[in-house]
Every structure is written in structure tokens, then in C-alpha cells.
Amino acid sequence: MARMTHLYSVLPVTDPEESLGWYTALFGRPADEVVGEEFMWRVDDTAWVVLAARPDRVGGGLLTLGVSGLDEILARLVAHGAGHEPVETYGNGVRHVVAHDPDGNSLSLAEPPSD
């Protein structure tokens, strides 16, 4: 039976080189791989977030990432001059926040409650 084994979530940006600072702050490290003009961060063994020049789709990206260390991630973004919406805490204890990259793509960060 055929199955899918890898996820590459592509975020459309105007210029990947110009977006590097924001995404480096988000992930806390440089891209794990650069393929041509695409910058790739590994977020799991078989899952990647990819920046790619797609001017016709800029600002239309929607991505939700499960994270740990939400406050540290937000501090890096703020130190980089990037803002974010207020952090919400849901009834189940999940902390959630939305940040927008320089091109307007929406990245939701969700941190589960501590055990």
C-alpha cells in the first residue's frame, strides 16, 4: 500500500534571504539545509518547514507548530524586533500565540501544558 512518509511545509516569502533573520530567531538556529534558494528547518525526523520565493502567494501561509519553551521562542522574536499577538491559555492548558513573519504569513505556536 502506498503511503506518505515526509512533510515539507512551504511558506511563501518575497525573498528567502531577507526572511532568514526572522526564521532564525523563530527556530533559534540557522536553516538546517539550503537547497538552491530554499531554506529548510527540520522540525521532526520527517517534517520540514521550507522558505521559498513564491511572490504570487506571499502572505497566504498558515502554519501551526507544537512547541516547548514558548516563552524563550517569543523572547527571541521580540529581541529580533518581531512582535506577536497576545498569548492565550485554553481551558485544556495549551498556551497559544500567533506571530506574523515579515511577509504576513501566520505562524501559530501551541505549547501543551507541563505534565
PDB file of N, CA and C in Angstrom:
ATOM      1  N   MET A   1       0.836  -1.170   0.000  1.00  0.00           N
ATOM      2  CA  MET A   1       0.000   0.000   0.000  1.00  0.00           C
ATOM      3  C   MET A   1       0.889   1.243   0.000  1.00  0.00           C
ATOM      4  N   ALA A   2       0.561   2.201  -0.821  1.00  0.00           N
ATOM      5  CA  ALA A   2       1.302   3.458  -0.875  1.00  0.00           C
ATOM      6  C   ALA A   2       1.025   4.272   0.382  1.00  0.00           C
ATOM      7  N   ARG A   3       2.029   4.993   0.823  1.00  0.00           N
ATOM      8  CA  ARG A   3       1.840   5.873   1.978  1.00  0.00           C
ATOM      9  C   ARG A   3       2.741   7.088   1.830  1.00  0.00           C
ATOM     10  N   MET A   4       2.428   8.124   2.561  1.00  0.00           N
ATOM     11  CA  MET A   4       3.236   9.337   2.559  1.00  0.00           C
ATOM     12  C   MET A   4       4.178   9.272   3.747  1.00  0.00           C
ATOM     13  N   THR A   5       5.433   9.664   3.538  1.00  0.00           N
ATOM     14  CA  THR A   5       6.424   9.471   4.589  1.00  0.00           C
ATOM     15  C   THR A   5       7.101  10.752   5.071  1.00  0.00           C
ATOM     16  N   HIS A   6       6.973  11.851   4.357  1.00  0.00           N
ATOM     17  CA  HIS A   6       7.636  13.086   4.746  1.00  0.00           C
ATOM     18  C   HIS A   6       6.706  14.270   4.524  1.00  0.00           C
ATOM     19  N   LEU A   7       6.888  15.299   5.344  1.00  0.00           N
ATOM     20  CA  LEU A   7       6.114  16.523   5.216  1.00  0.00           C
ATOM     21  C   LEU A   7       7.071  17.682   4.985  1.00  0.00           C
ATOM     22  N   TYR A   8       6.816  18.448   3.945  1.00  0.00           N
ATOM     23  CA  TYR A   8       7.545  19.676   3.663  1.00  0.00           C
ATOM     24  C   TYR A   8       6.512  20.785   3.595  1.00  0.00           C
ATOM     25  N   SER A   9       6.474  21.609   4.618  1.00  0.00           N
ATOM     26  CA  SER A   9       5.525  22.709   4.669  1.00  0.00           C
ATOM     27  C   SER A   9       6.231  23.947   4.133  1.00  0.00           C
ATOM     28  N   VAL A  10       5.801  24.417   2.976  1.00  0.00           N
ATOM     29  CA  VAL A  10       6.471  25.530   2.305  1.00  0.00           C
ATOM     30  C   VAL A  10       5.753  26.831   2.635  1.00  0.00           C
ATOM     31  N   LEU A  11       6.528  27.796   3.138  1.00  0.00           N
ATOM     32  CA  LEU A  11       5.987  29.120   3.410  1.00  0.00           C
ATOM     33  C   LEU A  11       6.441  30.067   2.301  1.00  0.00           C
ATOM     34  N   PRO A  12       5.499  30.720   1.645  1.00  0.00           N
ATOM     35  CA  PRO A  12       5.847  31.619   0.550  1.00  0.00           C
ATOM     36  C   PRO A  12       6.340  32.962   1.082  1.00  0.00           C
ATOM     37  N   VAL A  13       7.514  33.370   0.628  1.00  0.00           N
ATOM     38  CA  VAL A  13       8.077  34.650   1.023  1.00  0.00           C
ATOM     39  C   VAL A  13       8.531  35.409  -0.216  1.00  0.00           C
ATOM     40  N   THR A  14       8.674  36.717  -0.053  1.00  0.00           N
ATOM     41  CA  THR A  14       9.137  37.546  -1.168  1.00  0.00           C
ATOM     42  C   THR A  14      10.576  37.211  -1.512  1.00  0.00           C
ATOM     43  N   ASP A  15      11.430  37.187  -0.479  1.00  0.00           N
ATOM     44  CA  ASP A  15      12.849  36.927  -0.670  1.00  0.00           C
ATOM     45  C   ASP A  15      13.354  36.097   0.503  1.00  0.00           C
ATOM     46  N   PRO A  16      13.634  34.815   0.292  1.00  0.00           N
ATOM     47  CA  PRO A  16      14.088  33.959   1.393  1.00  0.00           C
ATOM     48  C   PRO A  16      15.296  34.512   2.142  1.00  0.00           C
ATOM     49  N   GLU A  17      16.245  35.115   1.437  1.00  0.00           N
ATOM     50  CA  GLU A  17      17.436  35.671   2.092  1.00  0.00           C
ATOM     51  C   GLU A  17      17.039  36.745   3.105  1.00  0.00           C
ATOM     52  N   GLU A  18      16.057  37.578   2.750  1.00  0.00           N
ATOM     53  CA  GLU A  18      15.621  38.641   3.650  1.00  0.00           C
ATOM     54  C   GLU A  18      14.819  38.093   4.831  1.00  0.00           C
ATOM     55  N   SER A  19      14.207  36.940   4.685  1.00  0.00           N
ATOM     56  CA  SER A  19      13.404  36.342   5.753  1.00  0.00           C
ATOM     57  C   SER A  19      14.230  35.515   6.728  1.00  0.00           C
ATOM     58  N   LEU A  20      15.487  35.264   6.404  1.00  0.00           N
ATOM     59  CA  LEU A  20      16.320  34.387   7.223  1.00  0.00           C
ATOM     60  C   LEU A  20      16.420  34.837   8.674  1.00  0.00           C
ATOM     61  N   GLY A  21      16.594  36.116   8.929  1.00  0.00           N
ATOM     62  CA  GLY A  21      16.748  36.599  10.301  1.00  0.00           C
ATOM     63  C   GLY A  21      15.544  36.276  11.156  1.00  0.00           C
ATOM     64  N   TRP A  22      14.343  36.491  10.603  1.00  0.00           N
ATOM     65  CA  TRP A  22      13.115  36.235  11.350  1.00  0.00           C
ATOM     66  C   TRP A  22      12.984  34.750  11.668  1.00  0.00           C
ATOM     67  N   TYR A  23      13.209  33.906  10.680  1.00  0.00           N
ATOM     68  CA  TYR A  23      13.052  32.463  10.889  1.00  0.00           C
ATOM     69  C   TYR A  23      14.195  31.885  11.732  1.00  0.00           C
ATOM     70  N   THR A  24      15.377  32.452  11.637  1.00  0.00           N
ATOM     71  CA  THR A  24      16.466  32.026  12.515  1.00  0.00           C
ATOM     72  C   THR A  24      16.114  32.345  13.962  1.00  0.00           C
ATOM     73  N   ALA A  25      15.502  33.519  14.193  1.00  0.00           N
ATOM     74  CA  ALA A  25      15.043  33.866  15.545  1.00  0.00           C
ATOM     75  C   ALA A  25      13.936  32.908  15.990  1.00  0.00           C
ATOM     76  N   LEU A  26      13.001  32.596  15.117  1.00  0.00           N
ATOM     77  CA  LEU A  26      11.909  31.689  15.459  1.00  0.00           C
ATOM     78  C   LEU A  26      12.442  30.321  15.876  1.00  0.00           C
ATOM     79  N   PHE A  27      13.304  29.748  15.060  1.00  0.00           N
ATOM     80  CA  PHE A  27      13.798  28.392  15.318  1.00  0.00           C
ATOM     81  C   PHE A  27      15.006  28.359  16.254  1.00  0.00           C
ATOM     82  N   GLY A  28      15.631  29.502  16.470  1.00  0.00           N
ATOM     83  CA  GLY A  28      16.783  29.554  17.366  1.00  0.00           C
ATOM     84  C   GLY A  28      18.049  28.985  16.765  1.00  0.00           C
ATOM     85  N   ARG A  29      18.072  28.869  15.441  1.00  0.00           N
ATOM     86  CA  ARG A  29      19.252  28.334  14.758  1.00  0.00           C
ATOM     87  C   ARG A  29      19.132  28.643  13.262  1.00  0.00           C
ATOM     88  N   PRO A  30      20.253  28.602  12.550  1.00  0.00           N
ATOM     89  CA  PRO A  30      20.194  28.777  11.100  1.00  0.00           C
ATOM     90  C   PRO A  30      19.462  27.607  10.442  1.00  0.00           C
ATOM     91  N   ALA A  31      19.127  27.766   9.193  1.00  0.00           N
ATOM     92  CA  ALA A  31      18.476  26.686   8.443  1.00  0.00           C
ATOM     93  C   ALA A  31      19.337  25.427   8.500  1.00  0.00           C
ATOM     94  N   ASP A  32      18.679  24.284   8.599  1.00  0.00           N
ATOM     95  CA  ASP A  32      19.396  23.008   8.631  1.00  0.00           C
ATOM     96  C   ASP A  32      19.931  22.623   7.265  1.00  0.00           C
ATOM     97  N   GLU A  33      19.217  23.032   6.235  1.00  0.00           N
ATOM     98  CA  GLU A  33      19.662  22.745   4.868  1.00  0.00           C
ATOM     99  C   GLU A  33      19.274  23.899   3.962  1.00  0.00           C
ATOM    100  N   VAL A  34      20.095  24.109   2.948  1.00  0.00           N
ATOM    101  CA  VAL A  34      19.782  25.072   1.902  1.00  0.00           C
ATOM    102  C   VAL A  34      19.844  24.303   0.589  1.00  0.00           C
ATOM    103  N   VAL A  35      18.729  24.328  -0.133  1.00  0.00           N
ATOM    104  CA  VAL A  35      18.660  23.640  -1.416  1.00  0.00           C
ATOM    105  C   VAL A  35      18.285  24.693  -2.451  1.00  0.00           C
ATOM    106  N   GLY A  36      19.264  25.054  -3.285  1.00  0.00           N
ATOM    107  CA  GLY A  36      19.026  26.145  -4.223  1.00  0.00           C
ATOM    108  C   GLY A  36      18.747  27.419  -3.439  1.00  0.00           C
ATOM    109  N   GLU A  37      17.583  28.008  -3.661  1.00  0.00           N
ATOM    110  CA  GLU A  37      17.188  29.232  -2.959  1.00  0.00           C
ATOM    111  C   GLU A  37      16.161  28.948  -1.874  1.00  0.00           C
ATOM    112  N   GLU A  38      16.025  27.691  -1.477  1.00  0.00           N
ATOM    113  CA  GLU A  38      15.083  27.332  -0.419  1.00  0.00           C
ATOM    114  C   GLU A  38      15.855  27.029   0.861  1.00  0.00           C
ATOM    115  N   PHE A  39      15.328  27.555   1.968  1.00  0.00           N
ATOM    116  CA  PHE A  39      15.937  27.353   3.276  1.00  0.00           C
ATOM    117  C   PHE A  39      15.026  26.447   4.078  1.00  0.00           C
ATOM    118  N   MET A  40      15.616  25.410   4.681  1.00  0.00           N
ATOM    119  CA  MET A  40      14.821  24.351   5.299  1.00  0.00           C
ATOM    120  C   MET A  40      15.226  24.122   6.753  1.00  0.00           C
ATOM    121  N   TRP A  41      14.214  24.078   7.637  1.00  0.00           N
ATOM    122  CA  TRP A  41      14.416  23.739   9.041  1.00  0.00           C
ATOM    123  C   TRP A  41      13.728  22.420   9.328  1.00  0.00           C
ATOM    124  N   ARG A  42      14.463  21.487   9.896  1.00  0.00           N
ATOM    125  CA  ARG A  42      13.898  20.208  10.295  1.00  0.00           C
ATOM    126  C   ARG A  42      13.193  20.407  11.629  1.00  0.00           C
ATOM    127  N   VAL A  43      11.904  20.052  11.676  1.00  0.00           N
ATOM    128  CA  VAL A  43      11.149  20.190  12.923  1.00  0.00           C
ATOM    129  C   VAL A  43      10.831  18.826  13.542  1.00  0.00           C
ATOM    130  N   ASP A  44      11.086  17.768  12.803  1.00  0.00           N
ATOM    131  CA  ASP A  44      10.937  16.396  13.293  1.00  0.00           C
ATOM    132  C   ASP A  44      11.708  15.505  12.318  1.00  0.00           C
ATOM    133  N   ASP A  45      11.787  14.229  12.611  1.00  0.00           N
ATOM    134  CA  ASP A  45      12.566  13.342  11.749  1.00  0.00           C
ATOM    135  C   ASP A  45      12.140  13.403  10.290  1.00  0.00           C
ATOM    136  N   THR A  46      10.860  13.568  10.042  1.00  0.00           N
ATOM    137  CA  THR A  46      10.372  13.551   8.657  1.00  0.00           C
ATOM    138  C   THR A  46       9.522  14.783   8.329  1.00  0.00           C
ATOM    139  N   ALA A  47       9.713  15.877   9.071  1.00  0.00           N
ATOM    140  CA  ALA A  47       8.924  17.086   8.837  1.00  0.00           C
ATOM    141  C   ALA A  47       9.834  18.308   8.761  1.00  0.00           C
ATOM    142  N   TRP A  48       9.593  19.127   7.749  1.00  0.00           N
ATOM    143  CA  TRP A  48      10.417  20.296   7.477  1.00  0.00           C
ATOM    144  C   TRP A  48       9.543  21.529   7.252  1.00  0.00           C
ATOM    145  N   VAL A  49      10.072  22.688   7.644  1.00  0.00           N
ATOM    146  CA  VAL A  49       9.490  23.974   7.257  1.00  0.00           C
ATOM    147  C   VAL A  49      10.454  24.574   6.248  1.00  0.00           C
ATOM    148  N   VAL A  50       9.905  24.996   5.110  1.00  0.00           N
ATOM    149  CA  VAL A  50      10.716  25.457   3.994  1.00  0.00           C
ATOM    150  C   VAL A  50      10.322  26.881   3.627  1.00  0.00           C
ATOM    151  N   LEU A  51      11.301  27.765   3.477  1.00  0.00           N
ATOM    152  CA  LEU A  51      11.061  29.103   2.932  1.00  0.00           C
ATOM    153  C   LEU A  51      11.369  29.061   1.452  1.00  0.00           C
ATOM    154  N   ALA A  52      10.446  29.563   0.665  1.00  0.00           N
ATOM    155  CA  ALA A  52      10.649  29.564  -0.778  1.00  0.00           C
ATOM    156  C   ALA A  52      10.094  30.845  -1.376  1.00  0.00           C
ATOM    157  N   ALA A  53      10.798  31.372  -2.356  1.00  0.00           N
ATOM    158  CA  ALA A  53      10.332  32.568  -3.055  1.00  0.00           C
ATOM    159  C   ALA A  53       9.102  32.202  -3.883  1.00  0.00           C
ATOM    160  N   ARG A  54       7.962  32.703  -3.463  1.00  0.00           N
ATOM    161  CA  ARG A  54       6.703  32.481  -4.168  1.00  0.00           C
ATOM    162  C   ARG A  54       5.916  33.798  -4.107  1.00  0.00           C
ATOM    163  N   PRO A  55       6.384  34.824  -4.850  1.00  0.00           N
ATOM    164  CA  PRO A  55       5.771  36.152  -4.748  1.00  0.00           C
ATOM    165  C   PRO A  55       4.259  36.162  -4.983  1.00  0.00           C
ATOM    166  N   ASP A  56       3.763  35.238  -5.791  1.00  0.00           N
ATOM    167  CA  ASP A  56       2.328  35.196  -6.083  1.00  0.00           C
ATOM    168  C   ASP A  56       1.509  34.678  -4.905  1.00  0.00           C
ATOM    169  N   ARG A  57       2.163  34.111  -3.893  1.00  0.00           N
ATOM    170  CA  ARG A  57       1.439  33.537  -2.752  1.00  0.00           C
ATOM    171  C   ARG A  57       1.845  34.146  -1.412  1.00  0.00           C
ATOM    172  N   VAL A  58       2.652  35.178  -1.438  1.00  0.00           N
ATOM    173  CA  VAL A  58       3.166  35.783  -0.208  1.00  0.00           C
ATOM    174  C   VAL A  58       2.031  36.207   0.707  1.00  0.00           C
ATOM    175  N   GLY A  59       2.204  35.909   1.993  1.00  0.00           N
ATOM    176  CA  GLY A  59       1.227  36.311   2.999  1.00  0.00           C
ATOM    177  C   GLY A  59       0.105  35.320   3.185  1.00  0.00           C
ATOM    178  N   GLY A  60       0.063  34.271   2.385  1.00  0.00           N
ATOM    179  CA  GLY A  60      -1.022  33.308   2.472  1.00  0.00           C
ATOM    180  C   GLY A  60      -0.701  32.073   3.283  1.00  0.00           C
ATOM    181  N   GLY A  61       0.504  32.006   3.836  1.00  0.00           N
ATOM    182  CA  GLY A  61       0.895  30.825   4.581  1.00  0.00           C
ATOM    183  C   GLY A  61       0.247  30.761   5.953  1.00  0.00           C
ATOM    184  N   LEU A  62      -0.216  29.579   6.315  1.00  0.00           N
ATOM    185  CA  LEU A  62      -0.771  29.307   7.644  1.00  0.00           C
ATOM    186  C   LEU A  62      -0.093  28.052   8.164  1.00  0.00           C
ATOM    187  N   LEU A  63       0.524  28.166   9.328  1.00  0.00           N
ATOM    188  CA  LEU A  63       1.245  27.032   9.869  1.00  0.00           C
ATOM    189  C   LEU A  63       1.072  27.019  11.379  1.00  0.00           C
ATOM    190  N   THR A  64       0.802  25.853  11.934  1.00  0.00           N
ATOM    191  CA  THR A  64       0.751  25.690  13.383  1.00  0.00           C
ATOM    192  C   THR A  64       1.854  24.726  13.782  1.00  0.00           C
ATOM    193  N   LEU A  65       2.637  25.126  14.771  1.00  0.00           N
ATOM    194  CA  LEU A  65       3.719  24.296  15.275  1.00  0.00           C
ATOM    195  C   LEU A  65       3.486  24.020  16.752  1.00  0.00           C
ATOM    196  N   GLY A  66       3.577  22.762  17.132  1.00  0.00           N
ATOM    197  CA  GLY A  66       3.592  22.416  18.543  1.00  0.00           C
ATOM    198  C   GLY A  66       4.993  22.691  19.058  1.00  0.00           C
ATOM    199  N   VAL A  67       5.104  23.393  20.171  1.00  0.00           N
ATOM    200  CA  VAL A  67       6.416  23.800  20.668  1.00  0.00           C
ATOM    201  C   VAL A  67       6.566  23.496  22.153  1.00  0.00           C
ATOM    202  N   SER A  68       7.797  23.521  22.606  1.00  0.00           N
ATOM    203  CA  SER A  68       8.099  23.585  24.032  1.00  0.00           C
ATOM    204  C   SER A  68       8.985  24.814  24.190  1.00  0.00           C
ATOM    205  N   GLY A  69       8.955  25.431  25.350  1.00  0.00           N
ATOM    206  CA  GLY A  69       9.748  26.639  25.558  1.00  0.00           C
ATOM    207  C   GLY A  69       9.174  27.855  24.847  1.00  0.00           C
ATOM    208  N   LEU A  70       7.858  27.993  24.866  1.00  0.00           N
ATOM    209  CA  LEU A  70       7.196  29.091  24.155  1.00  0.00           C
ATOM    210  C   LEU A  70       7.753  30.451  24.559  1.00  0.00           C
ATOM    211  N   ASP A  71       7.943  30.690  25.850  1.00  0.00           N
ATOM    212  CA  ASP A  71       8.430  31.994  26.298  1.00  0.00           C
ATOM    213  C   ASP A  71       9.812  32.307  25.716  1.00  0.00           C
ATOM    214  N   GLU A  72      10.667  31.319  25.622  1.00  0.00           N
ATOM    215  CA  GLU A  72      12.004  31.515  25.036  1.00  0.00           C
ATOM    216  C   GLU A  72      11.896  31.872  23.556  1.00  0.00           C
ATOM    217  N   ILE A  73      11.022  31.194  22.840  1.00  0.00           N
ATOM    218  CA  ILE A  73      10.833  31.477  21.416  1.00  0.00           C
ATOM    219  C   ILE A  73      10.330  32.902  21.237  1.00  0.00           C
ATOM    220  N   LEU A  74       9.341  33.298  22.027  1.00  0.00           N
ATOM    221  CA  LEU A  74       8.791  34.656  21.913  1.00  0.00           C
ATOM    222  C   LEU A  74       9.841  35.701  22.266  1.00  0.00           C
ATOM    223  N   ALA A  75      10.679  35.424  23.261  1.00  0.00           N
ATOM    224  CA  ALA A  75      11.745  36.363  23.629  1.00  0.00           C
ATOM    225  C   ALA A  75      12.721  36.553  22.468  1.00  0.00           C
ATOM    226  N   ARG A  76      13.049  35.465  21.752  1.00  0.00           N
ATOM    227  CA  ARG A  76      13.949  35.585  20.595  1.00  0.00           C
ATOM    228  C   ARG A  76      13.311  36.449  19.514  1.00  0.00           C
ATOM    229  N   LEU A  77      12.020  36.243  19.261  1.00  0.00           N
ATOM    230  CA  LEU A  77      11.338  37.042  18.239  1.00  0.00           C
ATOM    231  C   LEU A  77      11.327  38.511  18.629  1.00  0.00           C
ATOM    232  N   VAL A  78      10.993  38.796  19.888  1.00  0.00           N
ATOM    233  CA  VAL A  78      10.954  40.182  20.351  1.00  0.00           C
ATOM    234  C   VAL A  78      12.346  40.809  20.264  1.00  0.00           C
ATOM    235  N   ALA A  79      13.373  40.068  20.643  1.00  0.00           N
ATOM    236  CA  ALA A  79      14.748  40.579  20.554  1.00  0.00           C
ATOM    237  C   ALA A  79      15.126  40.875  19.112  1.00  0.00           C
ATOM    238  N   HIS A  80      14.517  40.166  18.190  1.00  0.00           N
ATOM    239  CA  HIS A  80      14.766  40.375  16.760  1.00  0.00           C
ATOM    240  C   HIS A  80      13.904  41.523  16.209  1.00  0.00           C
ATOM    241  N   GLY A  81      13.067  42.098  17.058  1.00  0.00           N
ATOM    242  CA  GLY A  81      12.208  43.195  16.620  1.00  0.00           C
ATOM    243  C   GLY A  81      10.874  42.746  16.068  1.00  0.00           C
ATOM    244  N   ALA A  82      10.551  41.480  16.244  1.00  0.00           N
ATOM    245  CA  ALA A  82       9.288  40.932  15.737  1.00  0.00           C
ATOM    246  C   ALA A  82       8.289  40.836  16.880  1.00  0.00           C
ATOM    247  N   GLY A  83       7.075  41.213  16.603  1.00  0.00           N
ATOM    248  CA  GLY A  83       6.034  41.121  17.612  1.00  0.00           C
ATOM    249  C   GLY A  83       5.214  39.861  17.452  1.00  0.00           C
ATOM    250  N   HIS A  84       4.237  39.752  18.304  1.00  0.00           N
ATOM    251  CA  HIS A  84       3.308  38.633  18.238  1.00  0.00           C
ATOM    252  C   HIS A  84       2.019  39.063  18.911  1.00  0.00           C
ATOM    253  N   GLU A  85       0.978  38.326  18.664  1.00  0.00           N
ATOM    254  CA  GLU A  85      -0.302  38.599  19.310  1.00  0.00           C
ATOM    255  C   GLU A  85      -0.213  38.160  20.774  1.00  0.00           C
ATOM    256  N   PRO A  86      -1.178  38.541  21.602  1.00  0.00           N
ATOM    257  CA  PRO A  86      -1.154  38.105  22.996  1.00  0.00           C
ATOM    258  C   PRO A  86      -1.241  36.577  23.114  1.00  0.00           C
ATOM    259  N   VAL A  87      -0.578  36.053  24.116  1.00  0.00           N
ATOM    260  CA  VAL A  87      -0.619  34.620  24.395  1.00  0.00           C
ATOM    261  C   VAL A  87      -1.954  34.301  25.063  1.00  0.00           C
ATOM    262  N   GLU A  88      -2.615  33.276  24.565  1.00  0.00           N
ATOM    263  CA  GLU A  88      -3.870  32.799  25.153  1.00  0.00           C
ATOM    264  C   GLU A  88      -3.607  31.466  25.836  1.00  0.00           C
ATOM    265  N   THR A  89      -4.326  31.198  26.902  1.00  0.00           N
ATOM    266  CA  THR A  89      -4.275  29.880  27.531  1.00  0.00           C
ATOM    267  C   THR A  89      -5.666  29.283  27.442  1.00  0.00           C
ATOM    268  N   TYR A  90      -5.773  28.157  26.768  1.00  0.00           N
ATOM    269  CA  TYR A  90      -7.049  27.487  26.585  1.00  0.00           C
ATOM    270  C   TYR A  90      -7.439  26.721  27.844  1.00  0.00           C
ATOM    271  N   GLY A  91      -8.675  26.321  27.920  1.00  0.00           N
ATOM    272  CA  GLY A  91      -9.186  25.581  29.065  1.00  0.00           C
ATOM    273  C   GLY A  91      -8.438  24.285  29.341  1.00  0.00           C
ATOM    274  N   ASN A  92      -7.845  23.707  28.301  1.00  0.00           N
ATOM    275  CA  ASN A  92      -7.088  22.462  28.487  1.00  0.00           C
ATOM    276  C   ASN A  92      -5.632  22.715  28.865  1.00  0.00           C
ATOM    277  N   GLY A  93      -5.280  23.992  29.076  1.00  0.00           N
ATOM    278  CA  GLY A  93      -3.929  24.344  29.492  1.00  0.00           C
ATOM    279  C   GLY A  93      -2.965  24.656  28.371  1.00  0.00           C
ATOM    280  N   VAL A  94      -3.362  24.455  27.116  1.00  0.00           N
ATOM    281  CA  VAL A  94      -2.491  24.770  25.983  1.00  0.00           C
ATOM    282  C   VAL A  94      -2.325  26.287  25.893  1.00  0.00           C
ATOM    283  N   ARG A  95      -1.062  26.713  25.772  1.00  0.00           N
ATOM    284  CA  ARG A  95      -0.769  28.127  25.542  1.00  0.00           C
ATOM    285  C   ARG A  95      -0.581  28.314  24.047  1.00  0.00           C
ATOM    286  N   HIS A  96      -1.217  29.344  23.485  1.00  0.00           N
ATOM    287  CA  HIS A  96      -1.248  29.553  22.043  1.00  0.00           C
ATOM    288  C   HIS A  96      -0.981  31.013  21.723  1.00  0.00           C
ATOM    289  N   VAL A  97      -0.224  31.239  20.666  1.00  0.00           N
ATOM    290  CA  VAL A  97       0.056  32.598  20.213  1.00  0.00           C
ATOM    291  C   VAL A  97       0.258  32.581  18.700  1.00  0.00           C
ATOM    292  N   VAL A  98      -0.058  33.701  18.062  1.00  0.00           N
ATOM    293  CA  VAL A  98       0.142  33.850  16.620  1.00  0.00           C
ATOM    294  C   VAL A  98       1.188  34.936  16.385  1.00  0.00           C
ATOM    295  N   ALA A  99       2.140  34.631  15.518  1.00  0.00           N
ATOM    296  CA  ALA A  99       3.134  35.607  15.072  1.00  0.00           C
ATOM    297  C   ALA A  99       3.057  35.664  13.549  1.00  0.00           C
ATOM    298  N   HIS A 100       3.341  36.836  13.002  1.00  0.00           N
ATOM    299  CA  HIS A 100       3.329  37.003  11.546  1.00  0.00           C
ATOM    300  C   HIS A 100       4.743  37.321  11.076  1.00  0.00           C
ATOM    301  N   ASP A 101       5.188  36.591  10.056  1.00  0.00           N
ATOM    302  CA  ASP A 101       6.513  36.860   9.515  1.00  0.00           C
ATOM    303  C   ASP A 101       6.470  38.171   8.722  1.00  0.00           C
ATOM    304  N   PRO A 102       7.612  38.660   8.258  1.00  0.00           N
ATOM    305  CA  PRO A 102       7.637  39.939   7.547  1.00  0.00           C
ATOM    306  C   PRO A 102       6.765  39.979   6.294  1.00  0.00           C
ATOM    307  N   ASP A 103       6.438  38.826   5.730  1.00  0.00           N
ATOM    308  CA  ASP A 103       5.586  38.776   4.546  1.00  0.00           C
ATOM    309  C   ASP A 103       4.114  38.581   4.884  1.00  0.00           C
ATOM    310  N   GLY A 104       3.785  38.476   6.167  1.00  0.00           N
ATOM    311  CA  GLY A 104       2.390  38.329   6.575  1.00  0.00           C
ATOM    312  C   GLY A 104       1.914  36.906   6.746  1.00  0.00           C
ATOM    313  N   ASN A 105       2.797  35.926   6.566  1.00  0.00           N
ATOM    314  CA  ASN A 105       2.409  34.540   6.837  1.00  0.00           C
ATOM    315  C   ASN A 105       2.107  34.402   8.322  1.00  0.00           C
ATOM    316  N   SER A 106       1.117  33.596   8.653  1.00  0.00           N
ATOM    317  CA  SER A 106       0.670  33.430  10.026  1.00  0.00           C
ATOM    318  C   SER A 106       1.218  32.126  10.604  1.00  0.00           C
ATOM    319  N   LEU A 107       1.977  32.246  11.689  1.00  0.00           N
ATOM    320  CA  LEU A 107       2.526  31.065  12.364  1.00  0.00           C
ATOM    321  C   LEU A 107       1.942  30.997  13.757  1.00  0.00           C
ATOM    322  N   SER A 108       1.184  29.947  14.020  1.00  0.00           N
ATOM    323  CA  SER A 108       0.616  29.713  15.349  1.00  0.00           C
ATOM    324  C   SER A 108       1.558  28.788  16.103  1.00  0.00           C
ATOM    325  N   LEU A 109       1.829  29.145  17.344  1.00  0.00           N
ATOM    326  CA  LEU A 109       2.687  28.340  18.197  1.00  0.00           C
ATOM    327  C   LEU A 109       1.844  27.857  19.356  1.00  0.00           C
ATOM    328  N   ALA A 110       1.823  26.551  19.592  1.00  0.00           N
ATOM    329  CA  ALA A 110       0.993  25.969  20.636  1.00  0.00           C
ATOM    330  C   ALA A 110       1.877  25.118  21.550  1.00  0.00           C
ATOM    331  N   GLU A 111       1.840  25.454  22.847  1.00  0.00           N
ATOM    332  CA  GLU A 111       2.630  24.727  23.827  1.00  0.00           C
ATOM    333  C   GLU A 111       1.687  23.974  24.766  1.00  0.00           C
ATOM    334  N   PRO A 112       1.804  22.638  24.816  1.00  0.00           N
ATOM    335  CA  PRO A 112       0.946  21.880  25.737  1.00  0.00           C
ATOM    336  C   PRO A 112       1.321  22.165  27.181  1.00  0.00           C
ATOM    337  N   PRO A 113       0.406  21.900  28.095  1.00  0.00           N
ATOM    338  CA  PRO A 113       0.715  22.136  29.499  1.00  0.00           C
ATOM    339  C   PRO A 113       1.812  21.180  29.979  1.00  0.00           C
ATOM    340  N   SER A 114       2.516  21.602  31.005  1.00  0.00           N
ATOM    341  CA  SER A 114       3.532  20.736  31.621  1.00  0.00           C
ATOM    342  C   SER A 114       2.860  19.560  32.280  1.00  0.00           C
ATOM    343  N   ASP A 115       3.542  18.429  32.317  1.00  0.00           N
ATOM    344  CA  ASP A 115       2.980  17.242  32.979  1.00  0.00           C
ATOM    345  C   ASP A 115       2.928  17.434  34.466  1.00  0.00           C
TER     346      ASP A 115
END
